[in-house]
Amino acid sequence: MYRSFYHFLMKYRSTAPRDAISRFANAAYDDLEFPKNSEDYDEISSYLEVNGHYPESMAIFDEAWELYIISES
């Protein structure tokens, strides 16, 4: 079974973010409504589009998602 995208993303969390994925991970961590148990691209993508308080563009999510798919393969 896959781990959730959120669980994967948390390995990029950092107190001093070095890059866009770290900033995205920190924002997801701070977001109490983030779909933490989801493995579904469309569900997470829709959530991010509706909740526009994330610091970077959807391109960062797409980059992180690709890393997620590779790591879970």
C-alpha atoms as a PDB file:
ATOM      1  CA  MET A   1       0.000   0.000   0.000  1.00  0.00           C
ATOM      2  CA  TYR A   2       1.157   3.517  -0.793  1.00  0.00           C
ATOM      3  CA  ARG A   3       1.788   6.025   1.913  1.00  0.00           C
ATOM      4  CA  SER A   4      -0.172   9.222   1.539  1.00  0.00           C
ATOM      5  CA  PHE A   5       1.221  12.132  -0.443  1.00  0.00           C
ATOM      6  CA  TYR A   6       1.239  14.210   2.752  1.00  0.00           C
ATOM      7  CA  HIS A   7       3.337  11.599   4.559  1.00  0.00           C
ATOM      8  CA  PHE A   8       5.791  11.566   1.641  1.00  0.00           C
ATOM      9  CA  LEU A   9       5.899  15.372   1.539  1.00  0.00           C
ATOM     10  CA  MET A  10       6.798  15.680   5.209  1.00  0.00           C
ATOM     11  CA  LYS A  11      10.335  14.443   4.529  1.00  0.00           C
ATOM     12  CA  TYR A  12      10.903  17.815   2.801  1.00  0.00           C
ATOM     13  CA  ARG A  13       9.696  19.860   5.767  1.00  0.00           C
ATOM     14  CA  SER A  14      12.383  22.108   7.220  1.00  0.00           C
ATOM     15  CA  THR A  15      12.679  24.846   9.823  1.00  0.00           C
ATOM     16  CA  ALA A  16      14.776  26.786   7.323  1.00  0.00           C
ATOM     17  CA  PRO A  17      13.281  25.920   3.904  1.00  0.00           C
ATOM     18  CA  ARG A  18      15.944  25.719   1.231  1.00  0.00           C
ATOM     19  CA  ASP A  19      13.733  25.349  -1.809  1.00  0.00           C
ATOM     20  CA  ALA A  20      10.183  25.557  -3.131  1.00  0.00           C
ATOM     21  CA  ILE A  21       9.276  21.979  -2.188  1.00  0.00           C
ATOM     22  CA  SER A  22      10.361  22.624   1.410  1.00  0.00           C
ATOM     23  CA  ARG A  23       8.178  25.746   1.533  1.00  0.00           C
ATOM     24  CA  PHE A  24       5.287  23.724   0.087  1.00  0.00           C
ATOM     25  CA  ALA A  25       5.808  20.973   2.687  1.00  0.00           C
ATOM     26  CA  ASN A  26       5.850  23.532   5.493  1.00  0.00           C
ATOM     27  CA  ALA A  27       2.630  25.111   4.200  1.00  0.00           C
ATOM     28  CA  ALA A  28       0.929  21.693   3.981  1.00  0.00           C
ATOM     29  CA  TYR A  29       2.053  20.906   7.536  1.00  0.00           C
ATOM     30  CA  ASP A  30       0.553  24.170   8.814  1.00  0.00           C
ATOM     31  CA  ASP A  31      -2.727  23.560   6.930  1.00  0.00           C
ATOM     32  CA  LEU A  32      -5.070  21.652   9.238  1.00  0.00           C
ATOM     33  CA  GLU A  33      -7.480  20.956   6.350  1.00  0.00           C
ATOM     34  CA  PHE A  34      -4.903  19.493   3.935  1.00  0.00           C
ATOM     35  CA  PRO A  35      -6.071  16.033   2.725  1.00  0.00           C
ATOM     36  CA  LYS A  36      -3.481  14.174   4.796  1.00  0.00           C
ATOM     37  CA  ASN A  37      -4.617  10.649   3.944  1.00  0.00           C
ATOM     38  CA  SER A  38      -5.018  11.106   0.204  1.00  0.00           C
ATOM     39  CA  GLU A  39      -3.071   9.305  -2.505  1.00  0.00           C
ATOM     40  CA  ASP A  40      -5.210  10.872  -5.242  1.00  0.00           C
ATOM     41  CA  TYR A  41      -3.728  13.550  -7.528  1.00  0.00           C
ATOM     42  CA  ASP A  42      -7.095  15.040  -8.485  1.00  0.00           C
ATOM     43  CA  GLU A  43      -8.300  15.330  -4.899  1.00  0.00           C
ATOM     44  CA  ILE A  44      -5.151  17.094  -3.730  1.00  0.00           C
ATOM     45  CA  SER A  45      -4.904  19.260  -6.842  1.00  0.00           C
ATOM     46  CA  SER A  46      -8.517  20.403  -6.463  1.00  0.00           C
ATOM     47  CA  TYR A  47      -7.931  21.179  -2.806  1.00  0.00           C
ATOM     48  CA  LEU A  48      -4.872  23.295  -3.617  1.00  0.00           C
ATOM     49  CA  GLU A  49      -6.684  25.193  -6.374  1.00  0.00           C
ATOM     50  CA  VAL A  50      -9.570  26.083  -4.057  1.00  0.00           C
ATOM     51  CA  ASN A  51      -7.313  26.956  -1.120  1.00  0.00           C
ATOM     52  CA  GLY A  52      -5.011  29.501  -2.693  1.00  0.00           C
ATOM     53  CA  HIS A  53      -2.893  30.279   0.352  1.00  0.00           C
ATOM     54  CA  TYR A  54       0.015  28.141  -0.779  1.00  0.00           C
ATOM     55  CA  PRO A  55       3.205  30.132  -1.395  1.00  0.00           C
ATOM     56  CA  GLU A  56       4.157  28.655  -4.761  1.00  0.00           C
ATOM     57  CA  SER A  57       2.411  27.757  -7.993  1.00  0.00           C
ATOM     58  CA  MET A  58       0.824  24.436  -8.876  1.00  0.00           C
ATOM     59  CA  ALA A  59       4.035  23.610 -10.740  1.00  0.00           C
ATOM     60  CA  ILE A  60       5.661  22.907  -7.359  1.00  0.00           C
ATOM     61  CA  PHE A  61       2.869  20.483  -6.506  1.00  0.00           C
ATOM     62  CA  ASP A  62       3.367  18.764  -9.870  1.00  0.00           C
ATOM     63  CA  GLU A  63       7.105  18.463  -9.228  1.00  0.00           C
ATOM     64  CA  ALA A  64       6.506  17.046  -5.742  1.00  0.00           C
ATOM     65  CA  TRP A  65       3.871  14.661  -7.131  1.00  0.00           C
ATOM     66  CA  GLU A  66       6.353  13.285  -9.680  1.00  0.00           C
ATOM     67  CA  LEU A  67       8.853  12.644  -6.880  1.00  0.00           C
ATOM     68  CA  TYR A  68       6.078  10.946  -4.905  1.00  0.00           C
ATOM     69  CA  ILE A  69       5.156   8.635  -7.799  1.00  0.00           C
ATOM     70  CA  ILE A  70       8.802   7.704  -8.362  1.00  0.00           C
ATOM     71  CA  SER A  71       9.396   6.980  -4.683  1.00  0.00           C
ATOM     72  CA  GLU A  72       6.277   4.834  -4.400  1.00  0.00           C
ATOM     73  CA  SER A  73       6.935   2.784  -7.542  1.00  0.00           C
END
